[in-house]
Amino acid sequence: MAKTTTFSKSDLIDAVAAKTGFAKTNVKDMLDATLGEITDQTAAGSKVTLIGFGSFEQRHKKARMGRNPATGAEVEIPASTHLAFKPAKPKKS
């Protein structure tokens, strides 16, 4: 199996700066503002859709019973909320 490479936030900033000619600090500020706004909007209960890319929304998980793998004892897993991303369907060729 081939090793998966990681494309980090700094790699993204470098790539966008190279393609646009903008300074890396400007690209970083724009990316931080974009990600911050997505986080704020989803935290407020909105679904954020970027056409052709995907959508972000908060998903709620109900409380449920699980098992402690070390002891086998049943434990209650509390309800939680997490940020979910659903990629857009690929364009047809």
N, C-alpha and C. Protein backbone atom coordinates (compact mmCIF):
# COMPACT_ATOMS: atom_id res chain seq x y z
N MET A 1 0.84 -1.17 0.00
CA MET A 1 0.00 0.00 0.00
C MET A 1 0.89 1.24 0.00
N ALA A 2 0.53 2.19 -0.82
CA ALA A 2 1.32 3.42 -0.92
C ALA A 2 1.12 4.29 0.32
N LYS A 3 2.17 4.97 0.70
CA LYS A 3 2.10 5.85 1.86
C LYS A 3 1.34 7.12 1.48
N THR A 4 0.43 7.54 2.34
CA THR A 4 -0.35 8.75 2.12
C THR A 4 0.47 9.96 2.53
N THR A 5 0.48 10.97 1.69
CA THR A 5 1.19 12.20 2.04
C THR A 5 0.20 13.17 2.67
N THR A 6 0.70 14.05 3.49
CA THR A 6 -0.12 15.05 4.16
C THR A 6 0.12 16.41 3.53
N PHE A 7 -0.97 17.09 3.20
CA PHE A 7 -0.92 18.44 2.64
C PHE A 7 -1.40 19.36 3.75
N SER A 8 -0.49 20.06 4.40
CA SER A 8 -0.79 20.85 5.59
C SER A 8 -1.34 22.23 5.23
N LYS A 9 -1.75 22.94 6.27
CA LYS A 9 -2.24 24.31 6.09
C LYS A 9 -1.15 25.19 5.48
N SER A 10 0.09 25.03 5.93
CA SER A 10 1.18 25.85 5.38
C SER A 10 1.44 25.48 3.91
N ASP A 11 1.26 24.20 3.55
CA ASP A 11 1.39 23.80 2.14
C ASP A 11 0.31 24.47 1.30
N LEU A 12 -0.90 24.52 1.84
CA LEU A 12 -2.01 25.17 1.13
C LEU A 12 -1.74 26.66 0.94
N ILE A 13 -1.24 27.30 1.98
CA ILE A 13 -0.91 28.73 1.90
C ILE A 13 0.16 28.96 0.84
N ASP A 14 1.20 28.14 0.83
CA ASP A 14 2.26 28.26 -0.17
C ASP A 14 1.72 28.09 -1.59
N ALA A 15 0.86 27.09 -1.79
CA ALA A 15 0.32 26.81 -3.12
C ALA A 15 -0.58 27.95 -3.62
N VAL A 16 -1.44 28.45 -2.75
CA VAL A 16 -2.33 29.55 -3.14
C VAL A 16 -1.53 30.82 -3.41
N ALA A 17 -0.54 31.09 -2.59
CA ALA A 17 0.31 32.27 -2.81
C ALA A 17 1.03 32.17 -4.14
N ALA A 18 1.52 30.99 -4.49
CA ALA A 18 2.22 30.80 -5.76
C ALA A 18 1.29 30.98 -6.95
N LYS A 19 0.05 30.48 -6.84
CA LYS A 19 -0.90 30.58 -7.95
C LYS A 19 -1.46 31.99 -8.13
N THR A 20 -1.63 32.71 -7.03
CA THR A 20 -2.28 34.02 -7.11
C THR A 20 -1.31 35.19 -7.15
N GLY A 21 -0.09 34.97 -6.66
CA GLY A 21 0.86 36.06 -6.58
C GLY A 21 0.69 36.91 -5.34
N PHE A 22 -0.26 36.54 -4.47
CA PHE A 22 -0.45 37.27 -3.21
C PHE A 22 0.63 36.87 -2.22
N ALA A 23 0.91 37.75 -1.27
CA ALA A 23 1.89 37.45 -0.22
C ALA A 23 1.33 36.34 0.67
N LYS A 24 2.23 35.50 1.18
CA LYS A 24 1.81 34.40 2.04
C LYS A 24 1.05 34.89 3.27
N THR A 25 1.46 36.03 3.81
CA THR A 25 0.77 36.55 5.00
C THR A 25 -0.68 36.93 4.67
N ASN A 26 -0.90 37.48 3.47
CA ASN A 26 -2.26 37.82 3.05
C ASN A 26 -3.10 36.56 2.84
N VAL A 27 -2.51 35.56 2.22
CA VAL A 27 -3.21 34.30 2.00
C VAL A 27 -3.55 33.64 3.33
N LYS A 28 -2.61 33.67 4.28
CA LYS A 28 -2.85 33.09 5.60
C LYS A 28 -3.99 33.81 6.30
N ASP A 29 -4.01 35.15 6.22
CA ASP A 29 -5.09 35.92 6.84
C ASP A 29 -6.44 35.58 6.22
N MET A 30 -6.49 35.44 4.88
CA MET A 30 -7.73 35.10 4.20
C MET A 30 -8.20 33.70 4.57
N LEU A 31 -7.27 32.76 4.62
CA LEU A 31 -7.62 31.38 4.98
C LEU A 31 -8.12 31.31 6.42
N ASP A 32 -7.42 31.99 7.33
CA ASP A 32 -7.85 32.01 8.74
C ASP A 32 -9.24 32.62 8.88
N ALA A 33 -9.50 33.70 8.15
CA ALA A 33 -10.81 34.36 8.20
C ALA A 33 -11.90 33.43 7.65
N THR A 34 -11.60 32.75 6.56
CA THR A 34 -12.56 31.83 5.94
C THR A 34 -12.89 30.68 6.88
N LEU A 35 -11.86 30.04 7.42
CA LEU A 35 -12.09 28.92 8.34
C LEU A 35 -12.79 29.37 9.62
N GLY A 36 -12.44 30.55 10.09
CA GLY A 36 -13.10 31.10 11.28
C GLY A 36 -14.57 31.35 11.04
N GLU A 37 -14.90 31.87 9.88
CA GLU A 37 -16.31 32.15 9.56
C GLU A 37 -17.09 30.85 9.40
N ILE A 38 -16.49 29.84 8.78
CA ILE A 38 -17.16 28.53 8.68
C ILE A 38 -17.43 27.98 10.07
N THR A 39 -16.45 28.07 10.95
CA THR A 39 -16.60 27.59 12.33
C THR A 39 -17.70 28.36 13.06
N ASP A 40 -17.69 29.69 12.95
CA ASP A 40 -18.69 30.52 13.62
C ASP A 40 -20.11 30.22 13.12
N GLN A 41 -20.26 30.10 11.81
CA GLN A 41 -21.59 29.87 11.23
C GLN A 41 -22.13 28.49 11.61
N THR A 42 -21.29 27.47 11.57
CA THR A 42 -21.76 26.14 11.95
C THR A 42 -22.06 26.07 13.44
N ALA A 43 -21.27 26.77 14.26
CA ALA A 43 -21.53 26.80 15.70
C ALA A 43 -22.87 27.48 15.99
N ALA A 44 -23.27 28.42 15.13
CA ALA A 44 -24.55 29.11 15.29
C ALA A 44 -25.71 28.30 14.73
N GLY A 45 -25.42 27.13 14.17
CA GLY A 45 -26.47 26.26 13.66
C GLY A 45 -26.70 26.33 12.17
N SER A 46 -25.92 27.11 11.45
CA SER A 46 -26.07 27.23 10.00
C SER A 46 -25.30 26.13 9.28
N LYS A 47 -25.78 25.78 8.10
CA LYS A 47 -25.05 24.88 7.22
C LYS A 47 -24.32 25.75 6.21
N VAL A 48 -23.02 25.53 6.03
CA VAL A 48 -22.22 26.31 5.10
C VAL A 48 -21.96 25.46 3.87
N THR A 49 -22.44 25.92 2.71
CA THR A 49 -22.29 25.18 1.46
C THR A 49 -21.40 25.95 0.51
N LEU A 50 -20.36 25.29 0.02
CA LEU A 50 -19.47 25.85 -1.00
C LEU A 50 -19.70 25.01 -2.25
N ILE A 51 -20.44 25.57 -3.21
CA ILE A 51 -20.83 24.83 -4.40
C ILE A 51 -19.59 24.33 -5.13
N GLY A 52 -19.62 23.07 -5.50
CA GLY A 52 -18.50 22.44 -6.19
C GLY A 52 -17.44 21.90 -5.25
N PHE A 53 -17.55 22.20 -3.96
CA PHE A 53 -16.56 21.72 -2.98
C PHE A 53 -17.21 20.81 -1.95
N GLY A 54 -18.23 21.32 -1.24
CA GLY A 54 -18.91 20.52 -0.24
C GLY A 54 -19.61 21.39 0.78
N SER A 55 -20.10 20.76 1.84
CA SER A 55 -20.81 21.51 2.87
C SER A 55 -20.34 21.11 4.26
N PHE A 56 -20.43 22.07 5.17
CA PHE A 56 -20.06 21.89 6.56
C PHE A 56 -21.31 22.09 7.41
N GLU A 57 -21.49 21.24 8.41
CA GLU A 57 -22.60 21.42 9.34
C GLU A 57 -22.30 20.70 10.64
N GLN A 58 -23.01 21.12 11.69
CA GLN A 58 -22.87 20.43 12.97
C GLN A 58 -23.78 19.22 12.95
N ARG A 59 -23.28 18.11 13.46
CA ARG A 59 -24.09 16.91 13.60
C ARG A 59 -24.13 16.54 15.07
N HIS A 60 -25.29 16.09 15.50
CA HIS A 60 -25.49 15.74 16.91
C HIS A 60 -25.56 14.22 17.03
N LYS A 61 -24.82 13.67 17.97
CA LYS A 61 -24.87 12.24 18.26
C LYS A 61 -25.61 12.06 19.58
N LYS A 62 -26.54 11.12 19.61
CA LYS A 62 -27.29 10.83 20.83
C LYS A 62 -26.39 10.09 21.81
N ALA A 63 -26.78 10.16 23.08
CA ALA A 63 -26.08 9.36 24.09
C ALA A 63 -26.33 7.89 23.79
N ARG A 64 -25.36 7.05 24.09
CA ARG A 64 -25.51 5.62 23.81
C ARG A 64 -24.66 4.82 24.79
N MET A 65 -24.90 3.55 24.80
CA MET A 65 -24.12 2.66 25.65
C MET A 65 -22.96 2.09 24.84
N GLY A 66 -21.82 1.95 25.49
CA GLY A 66 -20.64 1.37 24.86
C GLY A 66 -19.94 0.47 25.86
N ARG A 67 -18.78 -0.03 25.48
CA ARG A 67 -18.01 -0.90 26.37
C ARG A 67 -16.61 -0.37 26.53
N ASN A 68 -16.11 -0.47 27.76
CA ASN A 68 -14.71 -0.16 28.02
C ASN A 68 -13.91 -1.35 27.50
N PRO A 69 -13.06 -1.17 26.49
CA PRO A 69 -12.34 -2.31 25.92
C PRO A 69 -11.38 -2.99 26.89
N ALA A 70 -10.91 -2.26 27.88
CA ALA A 70 -9.97 -2.85 28.84
C ALA A 70 -10.67 -3.76 29.84
N THR A 71 -11.86 -3.36 30.28
CA THR A 71 -12.55 -4.13 31.33
C THR A 71 -13.79 -4.85 30.83
N GLY A 72 -14.32 -4.44 29.71
CA GLY A 72 -15.55 -5.04 29.20
C GLY A 72 -16.80 -4.48 29.86
N ALA A 73 -16.64 -3.56 30.81
CA ALA A 73 -17.78 -2.97 31.51
C ALA A 73 -18.55 -2.02 30.59
N GLU A 74 -19.88 -2.02 30.74
CA GLU A 74 -20.69 -1.09 29.97
C GLU A 74 -20.53 0.31 30.53
N VAL A 75 -20.41 1.28 29.63
CA VAL A 75 -20.31 2.68 30.03
C VAL A 75 -21.24 3.50 29.14
N GLU A 76 -21.75 4.59 29.70
CA GLU A 76 -22.59 5.47 28.90
C GLU A 76 -21.70 6.48 28.18
N ILE A 77 -21.88 6.57 26.88
CA ILE A 77 -21.16 7.56 26.07
C ILE A 77 -22.11 8.75 25.94
N PRO A 78 -21.72 9.93 26.44
CA PRO A 78 -22.64 11.07 26.43
C PRO A 78 -22.91 11.59 25.02
N ALA A 79 -24.01 12.32 24.89
CA ALA A 79 -24.34 12.96 23.62
C ALA A 79 -23.24 13.96 23.27
N SER A 80 -23.02 14.16 21.98
CA SER A 80 -21.98 15.09 21.56
C SER A 80 -22.36 15.75 20.24
N THR A 81 -21.67 16.82 19.94
CA THR A 81 -21.85 17.55 18.69
C THR A 81 -20.49 17.65 18.02
N HIS A 82 -20.45 17.44 16.70
CA HIS A 82 -19.19 17.56 15.99
C HIS A 82 -19.42 18.22 14.62
N LEU A 83 -18.36 18.77 14.08
CA LEU A 83 -18.41 19.40 12.77
C LEU A 83 -18.23 18.32 11.71
N ALA A 84 -19.14 18.30 10.74
CA ALA A 84 -19.08 17.30 9.68
C ALA A 84 -18.91 17.99 8.33
N PHE A 85 -18.17 17.33 7.45
CA PHE A 85 -17.98 17.83 6.08
C PHE A 85 -18.50 16.77 5.12
N LYS A 86 -19.30 17.20 4.16
CA LYS A 86 -19.80 16.30 3.12
C LYS A 86 -19.30 16.83 1.78
N PRO A 87 -18.42 16.09 1.11
CA PRO A 87 -17.90 16.58 -0.17
C PRO A 87 -18.99 16.63 -1.24
N ALA A 88 -18.84 17.56 -2.17
CA ALA A 88 -19.77 17.67 -3.29
C ALA A 88 -19.58 16.49 -4.22
N LYS A 89 -20.62 16.18 -4.97
CA LYS A 89 -20.51 15.10 -5.95
C LYS A 89 -19.56 15.56 -7.05
N PRO A 90 -18.75 14.64 -7.57
CA PRO A 90 -17.81 15.03 -8.64
C PRO A 90 -18.55 15.46 -9.91
N LYS A 91 -17.94 16.38 -10.63
CA LYS A 91 -18.52 16.84 -11.90
C LYS A 91 -18.47 15.70 -12.91
N LYS A 92 -19.51 15.63 -13.74
CA LYS A 92 -19.51 14.64 -14.81
C LYS A 92 -18.65 15.16 -15.95
N SER A 93 -17.89 14.28 -16.55
CA SER A 93 -17.00 14.68 -17.65
C SER A 93 -17.75 14.85 -18.94
